[in-house]
Protein backbone atom coordinates (compact mmCIF):
# COMPACT_ATOMS: atom_id res chain seq x y z
CA UNK A 1 -30.95 45.64 57.83
CA UNK A 2 -31.61 41.48 57.22
CA UNK A 3 -30.36 39.94 53.20
CA UNK A 4 -31.63 36.57 54.03
CA UNK A 5 -30.68 35.69 50.18
CA UNK A 6 -27.24 37.07 50.36
CA UNK A 7 -26.62 35.22 53.78
CA UNK A 8 -27.63 31.76 51.75
CA UNK A 9 -24.47 32.82 48.96
CA UNK A 10 -22.64 31.02 51.77
CA UNK A 11 -24.06 27.66 51.38
CA UNK A 12 -21.63 24.87 50.28
CA UNK A 13 -23.54 24.24 47.28
CA UNK A 14 -22.42 27.51 45.56
CA UNK A 15 -19.09 28.51 43.67
CA UNK A 16 -16.77 30.48 46.03
CA UNK A 17 -17.05 34.64 45.77
CA UNK A 18 -13.16 33.78 45.10
CA UNK A 19 -14.00 32.06 41.88
CA UNK A 20 -17.22 33.89 40.58
CA UNK A 21 -16.42 37.51 41.40
CA UNK A 22 -12.95 37.45 39.56
CA UNK A 23 -13.12 40.09 36.96
CA UNK A 24 -11.88 38.08 34.25
CA UNK A 25 -14.61 35.90 34.70
CA UNK A 26 -17.25 38.18 34.93
CA UNK A 27 -16.09 39.63 31.84
CA UNK A 28 -16.91 36.14 30.33
CA UNK A 29 -20.33 36.28 30.92
CA UNK A 30 -23.36 35.75 28.62
CA UNK A 31 -26.96 36.32 28.85
CA UNK A 32 -29.24 33.78 30.54
CA UNK A 33 -32.70 33.23 31.13
CA UNK A 34 -32.06 35.04 34.43
CA UNK A 35 -31.31 38.16 32.02
CA UNK A 36 -33.65 41.28 32.49
CA UNK A 37 -34.35 40.98 28.94
CA UNK A 38 -35.51 37.49 29.27
CA UNK A 39 -37.39 38.23 32.52
CA UNK A 40 -39.23 41.11 30.76
CA UNK A 41 -40.36 38.95 28.22
CA UNK A 42 -42.09 36.47 30.24
CA UNK A 43 -43.87 38.55 32.26
CA UNK A 44 -45.34 40.52 28.90
CA UNK A 45 -46.19 36.98 26.95
CA UNK A 46 -47.54 35.69 30.30
CA UNK A 47 -49.52 38.51 31.38
CA UNK A 48 -50.59 39.38 27.54
CA UNK A 49 -50.07 42.85 27.48
CA UNK A 50 -51.78 44.84 25.09
CA UNK A 51 -49.68 47.05 22.67
CA UNK A 52 -51.46 49.31 20.06
CA UNK A 53 -50.41 51.88 17.76
CA UNK A 54 -52.38 55.04 18.34
CA UNK A 55 -50.67 57.29 16.16
CA UNK A 56 -47.87 57.02 13.49
CA UNK A 57 -47.75 60.55 11.54
CA UNK A 58 -44.55 59.64 9.62
CA UNK A 59 -43.52 61.18 6.30
CA UNK A 60 -42.14 59.53 2.84
CA UNK A 61 -38.59 59.67 4.78
CA UNK A 62 -39.64 58.13 8.07
CA UNK A 63 -39.88 61.70 9.76
CA UNK A 64 -42.56 62.26 12.51
CA UNK A 65 -44.23 61.03 15.45
CA UNK A 66 -45.47 57.37 16.58
CA UNK A 67 -47.22 56.34 19.98
CA UNK A 68 -47.89 53.20 20.94
CA UNK A 69 -50.30 52.88 24.04
CA UNK A 70 -49.30 49.72 26.19
CA UNK A 71 -52.21 48.64 28.54
CA UNK A 72 -50.90 45.70 31.19
CA UNK A 73 -53.25 44.06 34.23
CA UNK A 74 -52.20 46.80 36.56
CA UNK A 75 -52.15 50.03 34.63
CA UNK A 76 -51.20 52.13 31.34
CA UNK A 77 -48.76 53.33 29.37
CA UNK A 78 -47.52 55.56 26.50
CA UNK A 79 -44.12 55.46 24.22
CA UNK A 80 -43.76 58.83 22.10
CA UNK A 81 -41.20 58.18 19.95
CA UNK A 82 -39.85 61.09 17.14
CA UNK A 83 -37.98 60.38 13.74
CA UNK A 84 -35.99 63.95 13.08
CA UNK A 85 -33.27 64.36 10.41
CA UNK A 86 -30.09 63.80 11.37
CA UNK A 87 -27.23 65.92 9.13
CA UNK A 88 -24.06 63.41 8.68
CA UNK A 89 -22.01 66.13 10.42
CA UNK A 90 -23.93 65.84 13.35
CA UNK A 91 -24.14 61.59 13.52
CA UNK A 92 -22.44 60.16 16.84
CA UNK A 93 -23.01 57.59 19.56
CA UNK A 94 -21.13 59.26 21.99
CA UNK A 95 -22.56 60.81 25.05
CA UNK A 96 -21.41 64.23 23.94
CA UNK A 97 -23.77 64.48 20.62
CA UNK A 98 -26.20 66.58 20.84
CA UNK A 99 -28.73 65.42 18.18
CA UNK A 100 -30.02 61.72 16.80
CA UNK A 101 -32.38 59.72 14.23
CA UNK A 102 -35.01 58.60 17.45
CA UNK A 103 -35.54 60.06 20.38
CA UNK A 104 -38.26 58.67 22.77
CA UNK A 105 -39.96 58.30 26.35
CA UNK A 106 -41.78 56.04 27.78
CA UNK A 107 -44.73 57.48 30.26
CA UNK A 108 -47.20 56.74 32.88
CA UNK A 109 -50.75 56.86 31.75
CA UNK A 110 -52.07 58.85 29.04
CA UNK A 111 -50.92 61.58 26.63
CA UNK A 112 -52.93 64.58 26.46
CA UNK A 113 -52.23 67.37 23.66
CA UNK A 114 -50.32 69.96 26.15
CA UNK A 115 -47.64 66.60 27.70
CA UNK A 116 -47.29 65.97 23.63
CA UNK A 117 -46.66 69.61 23.02
CA UNK A 118 -44.14 69.64 25.84
CA UNK A 119 -42.40 66.15 24.78
CA UNK A 120 -41.64 67.23 20.98
CA UNK A 121 -39.67 70.40 22.41
CA UNK A 122 -37.57 68.39 25.05
CA UNK A 123 -37.52 64.57 23.95
CA UNK A 124 -35.08 65.70 20.86
CA UNK A 125 -32.79 67.76 23.45
CA UNK A 126 -32.18 64.83 25.90
CA UNK A 127 -29.85 66.00 28.49
CA UNK A 128 -30.91 69.30 27.32
CA UNK A 129 -34.93 69.11 28.33
CA UNK A 130 -36.33 68.85 31.00
CA UNK A 131 -39.61 66.77 32.03
CA UNK A 132 -41.83 65.90 34.97
CA UNK A 133 -41.58 61.93 36.74
CA UNK A 134 -44.16 60.96 33.94
CA UNK A 135 -41.86 60.18 32.40
CA UNK A 136 -40.42 56.90 33.35
CA UNK A 137 -37.53 56.38 30.70
CA UNK A 138 -35.62 58.76 27.99
CA UNK A 139 -33.38 57.27 25.54
CA UNK A 140 -32.34 58.55 21.61
CA UNK A 141 -30.93 56.09 19.01
CA UNK A 142 -28.84 56.26 16.07
CA UNK A 143 -29.45 54.33 12.73
CA UNK A 144 -27.38 51.44 11.74
CA UNK A 145 -25.91 52.89 8.63
CA UNK A 146 -24.71 49.59 7.03
CA UNK A 147 -27.78 48.15 7.38
CA UNK A 148 -30.75 50.59 6.97
CA UNK A 149 -30.40 51.48 3.67
CA UNK A 150 -29.71 48.22 2.42
CA UNK A 151 -32.88 47.21 4.14
CA UNK A 152 -34.98 49.44 3.08
CA UNK A 153 -33.61 49.18 -0.33
CA UNK A 154 -34.57 45.39 -0.46
CA UNK A 155 -37.95 45.24 0.99
CA UNK A 156 -38.62 48.42 -1.47
CA UNK A 157 -37.50 46.14 -4.18
CA UNK A 158 -39.83 42.90 -3.32
CA UNK A 159 -36.87 41.55 -1.54
CA UNK A 160 -35.82 40.44 1.35
CA UNK A 161 -32.69 41.48 3.20
CA UNK A 162 -29.64 39.15 3.34
CA UNK A 163 -29.93 37.50 6.65
CA UNK A 164 -26.05 37.40 6.57
CA UNK A 165 -26.16 41.23 7.21
CA UNK A 166 -27.81 40.73 9.97
CA UNK A 167 -25.83 38.54 11.55
CA UNK A 168 -22.81 40.85 10.54
CA UNK A 169 -24.84 44.05 12.63
CA UNK A 170 -27.98 42.39 14.17
CA UNK A 171 -30.13 45.78 14.29
CA UNK A 172 -31.57 48.75 12.72
CA UNK A 173 -30.89 51.49 15.26
CA UNK A 174 -28.25 51.58 18.50
CA UNK A 175 -29.39 53.13 21.50
CA UNK A 176 -26.92 55.51 23.04
CA UNK A 177 -28.16 55.62 26.22
CA UNK A 178 -31.07 54.73 27.99
CA UNK A 179 -31.94 56.82 31.43
CA UNK A 180 -34.57 55.64 34.24
CA UNK A 181 -32.64 57.18 37.04
CA UNK A 182 -34.14 60.16 37.59
CA UNK A 183 -32.03 62.05 35.33
CA UNK A 184 -33.26 66.00 34.06
CA UNK A 185 -36.43 65.39 35.75
CA UNK A 186 -37.72 61.87 34.74
CA UNK A 187 -39.38 59.39 37.77
CA UNK A 188 -36.91 58.79 39.67
CA UNK A 189 -35.95 54.97 40.71
CA UNK A 190 -37.87 55.15 43.30
CA UNK A 191 -41.15 55.74 41.87
CA UNK A 192 -40.77 52.37 40.21
CA UNK A 193 -40.94 50.67 43.49
CA UNK A 194 -43.88 48.80 44.24
CA UNK A 195 -45.07 48.96 40.55
CA UNK A 196 -45.99 45.18 39.62
CA UNK A 197 -45.05 46.26 36.25
CA UNK A 198 -41.46 46.64 36.12
CA UNK A 199 -40.20 44.79 39.62
CA UNK A 200 -36.92 43.81 38.14
CA UNK A 201 -33.89 45.69 37.90
CA UNK A 202 -33.58 48.07 34.48
CA UNK A 203 -36.82 45.90 33.47
CA UNK A 204 -38.65 49.11 32.10
CA UNK A 205 -36.02 50.69 30.30
CA UNK A 206 -35.55 46.97 29.05
CA UNK A 207 -39.29 47.12 27.62
CA UNK A 208 -38.62 51.08 25.80
CA UNK A 209 -35.98 49.34 24.32
CA UNK A 210 -38.27 46.24 22.73
CA UNK A 211 -40.78 48.88 21.35
CA UNK A 212 -38.01 51.07 19.59
CA UNK A 213 -37.59 47.27 17.67
CA UNK A 214 -41.06 47.24 17.16
CA UNK A 215 -41.07 50.87 15.68
CA UNK A 216 -38.31 50.21 13.53
CA UNK A 217 -39.94 46.87 11.80
CA UNK A 218 -42.96 49.58 11.79
CA UNK A 219 -40.95 52.21 10.28
CA UNK A 220 -38.90 50.63 7.56
CA UNK A 221 -41.50 48.96 6.26
CA UNK A 222 -43.67 51.87 6.16
CA UNK A 223 -40.55 53.46 4.04
CA UNK A 224 -40.45 50.95 1.47
CA UNK A 225 -43.59 51.31 0.52
CA UNK A 226 -43.51 55.02 0.43
CA UNK A 227 -40.69 54.66 -1.66
CA UNK A 228 -42.10 51.94 -4.60
CA UNK A 229 -46.06 51.01 -3.31
CA UNK A 230 -46.14 48.74 -6.18
CA UNK A 231 -43.71 45.85 -5.59
CA UNK A 232 -42.52 46.73 -1.47
CA UNK A 233 -42.92 43.92 0.79
CA UNK A 234 -42.56 43.91 4.17
CA UNK A 235 -39.80 42.39 6.36
CA UNK A 236 -39.99 38.32 6.59
CA UNK A 237 -41.24 37.26 10.17
CA UNK A 238 -38.03 35.12 10.68
CA UNK A 239 -35.85 37.99 10.11
CA UNK A 240 -37.84 40.29 12.43
CA UNK A 241 -37.33 37.88 15.21
CA UNK A 242 -33.49 38.23 14.42
CA UNK A 243 -34.05 42.08 14.25
CA UNK A 244 -32.48 43.29 17.79
CA UNK A 245 -31.65 46.72 19.15
CA UNK A 246 -28.37 47.69 19.39
CA UNK A 247 -26.31 49.65 21.82
CA UNK A 248 -23.38 51.29 22.08
CA UNK A 249 -21.84 51.67 26.09
CA UNK A 250 -18.67 53.05 27.64
CA UNK A 251 -17.62 53.80 30.91
CA UNK A 252 -20.25 55.94 32.06
CA UNK A 253 -21.78 51.73 32.99
CA UNK A 254 -18.94 50.76 34.66
CA UNK A 255 -18.89 52.27 38.13
CA UNK A 256 -22.44 51.31 38.72
CA UNK A 257 -21.10 47.24 39.70
CA UNK A 258 -18.85 49.20 42.24
CA UNK A 259 -21.31 51.36 44.02
CA UNK A 260 -24.47 48.84 44.43
CA UNK A 261 -22.30 45.78 45.73
CA UNK A 262 -25.99 44.88 47.44
CA UNK A 263 -27.41 44.78 44.34
CA UNK A 264 -24.62 43.21 42.17
CA UNK A 265 -24.26 40.52 45.63
CA UNK A 266 -28.39 39.94 44.14
CA UNK A 267 -27.52 38.91 40.60
CA UNK A 268 -24.96 36.66 40.76
CA UNK A 269 -26.50 35.11 43.97
CA UNK A 270 -29.49 34.81 41.86
CA UNK A 271 -27.72 33.23 39.34
CA UNK A 272 -25.68 30.99 41.08
CA UNK A 273 -28.23 29.50 42.43
CA UNK A 274 -30.02 28.64 39.85
CA UNK A 275 -26.97 26.88 38.62
CA UNK A 276 -26.56 25.39 42.22
CA UNK A 277 -30.49 23.99 41.81
CA UNK A 278 -30.16 22.68 37.99
CA UNK A 279 -26.94 21.05 38.75
CA UNK A 280 -28.32 18.90 41.79
CA UNK A 281 -31.42 17.98 39.03
CA UNK A 282 -31.06 14.03 37.93
CA UNK A 283 -30.36 14.13 33.99
CA UNK A 284 -32.82 12.40 31.49
CA UNK A 285 -32.82 11.72 27.92
CA UNK A 286 -34.86 14.34 26.55
CA UNK A 287 -32.83 17.70 28.92
CA UNK A 288 -29.83 16.06 27.60
CA UNK A 289 -31.05 16.23 24.27
CA UNK A 290 -32.06 19.55 24.70
CA UNK A 291 -28.80 20.42 26.53
CA UNK A 292 -27.10 19.02 23.23
CA UNK A 293 -29.51 21.41 21.15
CA UNK A 294 -28.62 24.54 23.12
CA UNK A 295 -25.15 23.72 23.11
CA UNK A 296 -24.90 23.51 19.03
CA UNK A 297 -27.40 26.98 19.26
CA UNK A 298 -24.68 28.79 20.98
CA UNK A 299 -21.87 27.12 19.30
CA UNK A 300 -23.77 28.82 15.73
CA UNK A 301 -24.59 31.89 17.51
CA UNK A 302 -20.47 32.35 18.36
CA UNK A 303 -19.53 31.48 14.85
CA UNK A 304 -22.07 34.37 13.95
CA UNK A 305 -20.70 36.81 16.11
CA UNK A 306 -17.91 39.15 14.62
CA UNK A 307 -15.43 41.56 15.96
CA UNK A 308 -12.21 43.36 14.91
CA UNK A 309 -11.29 43.31 18.11
CA UNK A 310 -8.07 40.78 18.69
CA UNK A 311 -8.61 40.28 21.72
CA UNK A 312 -12.18 39.51 21.82
CA UNK A 313 -11.60 37.45 18.56
CA UNK A 314 -9.06 35.13 20.13
CA UNK A 315 -11.17 34.38 23.42
CA UNK A 316 -14.20 33.74 20.80
CA UNK A 317 -12.10 31.07 19.06
CA UNK A 318 -11.11 29.25 22.09
CA UNK A 319 -14.71 29.59 23.51
CA UNK A 320 -15.74 27.77 19.80
CA UNK A 321 -13.14 25.14 20.20
CA UNK A 322 -14.09 24.41 23.67
CA UNK A 323 -17.58 23.91 23.13
CA UNK A 324 -16.68 21.46 20.24
CA UNK A 325 -14.56 19.40 22.96
CA UNK A 326 -17.71 19.70 25.81
CA UNK A 327 -20.27 18.24 23.03
CA UNK A 328 -18.08 15.38 22.05
CA UNK A 329 -17.28 14.81 25.62
CA UNK A 330 -21.02 15.02 26.40
CA UNK A 331 -21.80 12.45 24.09
CA UNK A 332 -19.97 9.66 25.51
CA UNK A 333 -21.48 10.59 29.35
CA UNK A 334 -24.55 8.44 30.36
CA UNK A 335 -27.59 10.58 31.31
CA UNK A 336 -27.63 10.18 34.85
CA UNK A 337 -27.89 11.98 38.23
CA UNK A 338 -23.94 13.48 38.63
CA UNK A 339 -24.36 14.56 35.04
CA UNK A 340 -24.67 18.45 34.85
CA UNK A 341 -22.12 18.13 37.77
CA UNK A 342 -19.41 16.25 36.24
CA UNK A 343 -19.83 18.03 32.80
CA UNK A 344 -19.23 21.91 34.67
CA UNK A 345 -16.25 19.86 36.58
CA UNK A 346 -14.92 18.81 32.82
CA UNK A 347 -15.22 22.43 31.65
CA UNK A 348 -13.54 23.81 34.77
CA UNK A 349 -10.45 21.52 33.99
CA UNK A 350 -10.02 21.45 30.14
CA UNK A 351 -12.18 24.77 28.59
CA UNK A 352 -11.54 28.66 29.58
CA UNK A 353 -13.87 31.00 31.48
CA UNK A 354 -15.67 31.89 28.11
CA UNK A 355 -16.99 28.40 27.91
CA UNK A 356 -17.46 27.37 31.47
CA UNK A 357 -20.14 30.80 32.05
CA UNK A 358 -21.64 29.89 28.14
CA UNK A 359 -21.99 26.81 29.97
CA UNK A 360 -23.96 28.43 33.35
CA UNK A 361 -26.19 30.15 30.90
CA UNK A 362 -27.14 26.85 29.12
CA UNK A 363 -27.65 24.64 32.30
CA UNK A 364 -29.75 27.38 33.22
CA UNK A 365 -32.44 26.92 30.25
CA UNK A 366 -32.94 23.18 31.54
CA UNK A 367 -35.00 23.54 34.27
CA UNK A 368 -37.19 26.56 34.14
CA UNK A 369 -39.22 26.11 37.16
CA UNK A 370 -36.26 26.10 39.09
CA UNK A 371 -34.73 29.00 37.80
CA UNK A 372 -37.22 31.40 36.60
CA UNK A 373 -38.88 32.38 40.51
CA UNK A 374 -35.22 33.56 41.14
CA UNK A 375 -35.78 36.54 38.64
CA UNK A 376 -37.91 37.79 41.42
CA UNK A 377 -35.43 38.18 43.80
CA UNK A 378 -33.11 40.03 41.62
CA UNK A 379 -33.67 43.63 43.75
CA UNK A 380 -32.76 44.60 46.89
CA UNK A 381 -33.63 47.71 49.03
CA UNK A 382 -29.93 48.79 49.47
CA UNK A 383 -28.03 51.14 52.30
CA UNK A 384 -25.30 50.91 54.29
CA UNK A 385 -26.02 51.35 57.94
CA UNK A 386 -23.11 52.21 60.62
CA UNK A 387 -22.92 50.10 63.25
CA UNK A 388 -21.04 52.02 65.54
CA UNK A 389 -21.18 49.79 68.89
CA UNK A 390 -19.43 47.09 66.83
CA UNK A 391 -16.06 46.22 68.74
CA UNK A 392 -13.00 47.09 67.19
CA UNK A 393 -11.44 43.91 67.41
CA UNK A 394 -14.85 42.45 65.65
CA UNK A 395 -14.55 44.85 63.02
CA UNK A 396 -11.00 43.85 62.46
CA UNK A 397 -12.40 40.31 61.66
CA UNK A 398 -14.42 40.76 59.36
CA UNK A 399 -12.04 43.02 57.34
CA UNK A 400 -9.41 40.08 57.31
CA UNK A 401 -12.49 37.50 56.83
CA UNK A 402 -14.26 38.95 54.68
CA UNK A 403 -11.67 40.40 52.43
CA UNK A 404 -8.44 38.92 52.40
CA UNK A 405 -8.45 39.49 49.12
CA UNK A 406 -7.97 43.19 49.50
CA UNK A 407 -5.28 42.80 51.82
CA UNK A 408 -3.48 40.52 50.09
CA UNK A 409 -3.02 42.70 46.89
CA UNK A 410 0.49 44.92 46.96
CA UNK A 411 -0.46 48.25 46.19
CA UNK A 412 2.68 50.14 46.38
CA UNK A 413 4.13 50.40 42.76
CA UNK A 414 2.87 52.81 40.24
CA UNK A 415 1.55 49.86 38.15
CA UNK A 416 -1.39 49.20 40.70
CA UNK A 417 -2.19 53.11 40.97
CA UNK A 418 -1.91 53.69 36.79
CA UNK A 419 -5.48 54.79 36.74
CA UNK A 420 -7.77 56.89 38.51
CA UNK A 421 -11.64 57.64 37.52
CA UNK A 422 -13.30 60.75 37.68
CA UNK A 423 -16.50 62.53 36.08
CA UNK A 424 -16.03 64.23 33.01
CA UNK A 425 -16.83 68.40 33.59
CA UNK A 426 -18.68 68.24 30.05
CA UNK A 427 -21.44 65.32 30.81
CA UNK A 428 -20.53 64.19 34.02
CA UNK A 429 -19.77 60.66 32.88
CA UNK A 430 -17.17 58.58 34.29
CA UNK A 431 -13.54 58.63 32.54
CA UNK A 432 -10.92 56.66 33.11
CA UNK A 433 -7.54 58.65 33.30
CA UNK A 434 -3.42 58.07 33.42
CA UNK A 435 -2.29 59.06 37.08
CA UNK A 436 1.15 59.91 35.17
CA UNK A 437 -0.13 61.41 32.23
CA UNK A 438 -2.61 63.48 32.74
CA UNK A 439 -4.18 66.30 35.45
CA UNK A 440 -7.22 65.41 37.76
CA UNK A 441 -6.56 62.42 40.11
CA UNK A 442 -7.61 65.08 42.78
CA UNK A 443 -11.26 64.61 41.64
CA UNK A 444 -10.66 60.67 41.74
CA UNK A 445 -13.75 58.61 41.90
CA UNK A 446 -13.61 56.46 44.69
CA UNK A 447 -13.73 53.07 42.74
CA UNK A 448 -10.68 51.75 44.53
CA UNK A 449 -11.84 49.55 47.23
CA UNK A 450 -9.01 47.61 47.66
CA UNK A 451 -6.84 50.46 48.14
CA UNK A 452 -9.65 52.00 50.76
CA UNK A 453 -9.52 48.41 52.48
CA UNK A 454 -6.31 48.39 52.75
CA UNK A 455 -5.74 51.63 54.15
CA UNK A 456 -8.51 51.42 56.75
CA UNK A 457 -6.93 48.14 58.12
CA UNK A 458 -3.50 49.70 58.90
CA UNK A 459 -5.44 52.95 60.44
CA UNK A 460 -7.28 50.04 62.67
CA UNK A 461 -4.66 48.25 63.44
CA UNK A 462 -2.65 50.84 64.38
CA UNK A 463 -5.84 52.20 66.46
CA UNK A 464 -5.82 49.19 68.16
CA UNK A 465 -2.43 48.87 69.74
CA UNK A 466 -3.28 52.17 71.70
CA UNK A 467 -6.90 51.22 72.28
CA UNK A 468 -7.51 47.40 72.15
CA UNK A 469 -10.97 47.68 74.06
CA UNK A 470 -13.18 50.50 71.97
CA UNK A 471 -15.42 50.45 69.58
CA UNK A 472 -15.81 51.55 65.89
CA UNK A 473 -17.49 54.75 66.72
CA UNK A 474 -13.85 55.62 68.97
CA UNK A 475 -11.90 54.34 65.21
CA UNK A 476 -14.31 57.27 63.52
CA UNK A 477 -14.70 59.87 65.68
CA UNK A 478 -10.56 59.90 65.32
CA UNK A 479 -10.42 59.28 62.01
CA UNK A 480 -13.56 60.40 60.30
CA UNK A 481 -13.02 59.79 56.70
CA UNK A 482 -13.03 56.47 57.19
CA UNK A 483 -16.71 56.11 57.92
CA UNK A 484 -17.70 55.27 54.11
CA UNK A 485 -15.47 52.54 54.15
CA UNK A 486 -16.68 50.94 57.54
CA UNK A 487 -20.20 51.40 56.62
CA UNK A 488 -19.49 49.42 52.94
CA UNK A 489 -18.03 46.18 55.16
CA UNK A 490 -20.33 46.42 57.66
CA UNK A 491 -23.01 46.56 55.11
CA UNK A 492 -21.50 43.64 53.22
CA UNK A 493 -20.78 41.59 55.92
CA UNK A 494 -23.55 38.71 54.85
CA UNK A 495 -23.03 39.38 50.91
CA UNK A 496 -20.47 37.00 50.03
CA UNK A 497 -20.69 37.68 46.15
CA UNK A 498 -20.76 41.73 46.07
CA UNK A 499 -17.73 42.96 45.80
CA UNK A 500 -15.48 42.41 42.60
CA UNK A 501 -12.14 40.69 42.93
CA UNK A 502 -9.90 43.54 41.16
CA UNK A 503 -7.64 46.19 41.77
CA UNK A 504 -9.42 48.77 39.79
CA UNK A 505 -6.31 51.00 39.48
CA UNK A 506 -4.30 48.61 38.00
CA UNK A 507 -2.54 48.80 34.57
CA UNK A 508 -3.66 45.48 33.19
CA UNK A 509 -7.35 46.13 34.59
CA UNK A 510 -9.87 46.04 31.62
CA UNK A 511 -12.88 48.23 32.09
CA UNK A 512 -14.39 45.97 29.39
CA UNK A 513 -15.55 43.17 31.66
CA UNK A 514 -17.12 45.23 33.94
CA UNK A 515 -18.94 46.48 31.12
CA UNK A 516 -20.04 42.94 29.76
CA UNK A 517 -20.86 42.00 33.08
CA UNK A 518 -23.41 44.40 33.50
CA UNK A 519 -24.55 44.17 29.94
CA UNK A 520 -24.67 40.01 30.09
CA UNK A 521 -27.30 40.46 33.17
CA UNK A 522 -29.13 43.06 30.92
CA UNK A 523 -29.96 40.32 27.95
CA UNK A 524 -26.31 41.54 25.33
CA UNK A 525 -25.56 39.56 22.43
CA UNK A 526 -22.97 39.52 20.18
CA UNK A 527 -19.91 41.27 22.37
CA UNK A 528 -18.22 43.70 19.95
CA UNK A 529 -15.58 45.73 22.00
CA UNK A 530 -14.53 48.82 20.16
CA UNK A 531 -11.54 48.95 22.52
CA UNK A 532 -11.43 48.24 26.19
CA UNK A 533 -13.55 51.00 27.57
CA UNK A 534 -16.36 50.71 25.23
CA UNK A 535 -18.43 47.90 23.14
CA UNK A 536 -21.44 47.41 20.92
CA UNK A 537 -24.30 44.67 22.08
CA UNK A 538 -27.34 43.54 20.05
CA UNK A 539 -30.49 42.89 22.93
CA UNK A 540 -33.76 41.18 22.03
CA UNK A 541 -32.11 39.59 19.02
CA UNK A 542 -34.98 36.03 18.86
CA UNK A 543 -37.37 37.65 20.81
CA UNK A 544 -41.22 37.43 19.73
CA UNK A 545 -42.77 40.36 17.94
CA UNK A 546 -45.53 42.31 19.48
CA UNK A 547 -47.85 40.82 17.09
CA UNK A 548 -46.73 36.97 19.02
CA UNK A 549 -48.20 38.26 22.31
CA UNK A 550 -50.99 36.09 23.43
CA UNK A 551 -50.10 33.25 21.41
CA UNK A 552 -48.10 30.00 23.00
CA UNK A 553 -45.04 30.96 24.52
CA UNK A 554 -42.00 28.57 25.53
CA UNK A 555 -39.55 31.64 26.40
CA UNK A 556 -36.53 29.69 23.60
CA UNK A 557 -35.05 32.52 21.82
CA UNK A 558 -31.68 33.23 23.49
CA UNK A 559 -28.41 32.35 21.32
CA UNK A 560 -30.70 33.50 18.40
CA UNK A 561 -29.44 31.98 15.03
CA UNK A 562 -29.67 33.81 11.06
CA UNK A 563 -32.64 32.62 9.80
CA UNK A 564 -32.37 30.99 6.31
CA UNK A 565 -34.63 32.59 3.37
CA UNK A 566 -35.31 31.69 -0.24
CA UNK A 567 -35.84 35.05 -1.16
CA UNK A 568 -33.31 37.39 0.19
CA UNK A 569 -32.22 40.16 -1.96
CA UNK A 570 -28.97 39.20 -4.21
CA UNK A 571 -31.01 35.79 -4.75
CA UNK A 572 -32.98 36.49 -7.67
């Protein structure tokens, strides 16, 4: 199997994998124009997708059914949303919850009366329901208790909500799972391969989240009018754009990055290639001015990001201080051919990883024509295929060249084997156990890539002493339990960026870094860790509205900042 794009990751002008795939650095990623919400938004706006509300049967409390029809140049779809009363004792963001404020689906084609009845029975049940392959995405969400009633009360009284409420919590709804992977009978991932509307990874899921954002605006305006028909006002356009959709994500997302290394390689390769292309461009005065403007916006966005997590708060404060120094340094630099390269080198010498990786996101904004085409190359057909004819000496060289980082770990201590990953019996969701304190290590998931590589290498060396001329097939006939590891080694031979360079069993390993890396590729902002194992984020904050599809679009909405309103609640 050939991976020409992955092979290009060995280009000398790209940052080395030892730097890029460091777990702490991955845990400092930010959204960029290659993130899936951005590429999905570009496609939607450029192709002028048509989104119509064709059903809105909600009562005065906002409970009922809403249906939206989506027409693209290639096909049509429907999004069906069910809003239901949620008792206080049932309110939970955990995956084990069985009731939510809203549940919804994106499905291909039309919705007839029979299917709508089936959806009404099954969608609110989520995992306990059953679906067919017309359903592309299945999801659910809960209201933000801090924002929903405050927004509703303000609008009903003829006032705009205080923008600071959205700066603190950037959404009215927070999703707790967005399924698009064949679970519960919905369409498998392969069903979307070849679908011209959702070619990028997770684009169908992100589009469905965008529709929830649109529903949240229409629902709260409907409820405000029902509560106070004479005084109610609609939500200010600036606040509508600043409104996002939240997400609560835990350990269930973390193993994806380990189990899909070829796909991860493609994501990272695209980002690093985009950075390399930008750095090679000559700087001019307009782009330098644009960079300074983006830098100031990112600084304000980070200032408006709140978290109670002490570690994340310290990182954010350090990044803010670094951004201030970077802005001062940049003012003194000439707009010449080497500016972007000098800028990157300066941050690597003087700034922390948060500022360094934020800089990558900002630089990618400067030359869209160089960066945006890479979004079309972030999907790949994955698969490992055993090369049984590979000489064992060549396999050994492959391990020692490509996986030297794994061989260099000291994995013999209790500290290095502190954690084990497993799937919960209740929800089949990944969990993290402490080996010395919790049972279940015998059901461990194989996420210890470094451990597996070391064991395979040691066994291979011992076998080679006795059989120096034999092939991989002979080694695996003698020790078949290494087949999975050997397939991975061979399948990743030309992928510089696919493997996370960390011991995921180590006591000091932080799962939150895995979560942030993947969420940044989704397009998440406002990272607010609730522990080292789960985080709340915001998606689509600042994005264009459904009503703006078809209008001029410059795709300049990342790192949204709080709008200034003269009629916010409490200012009268």
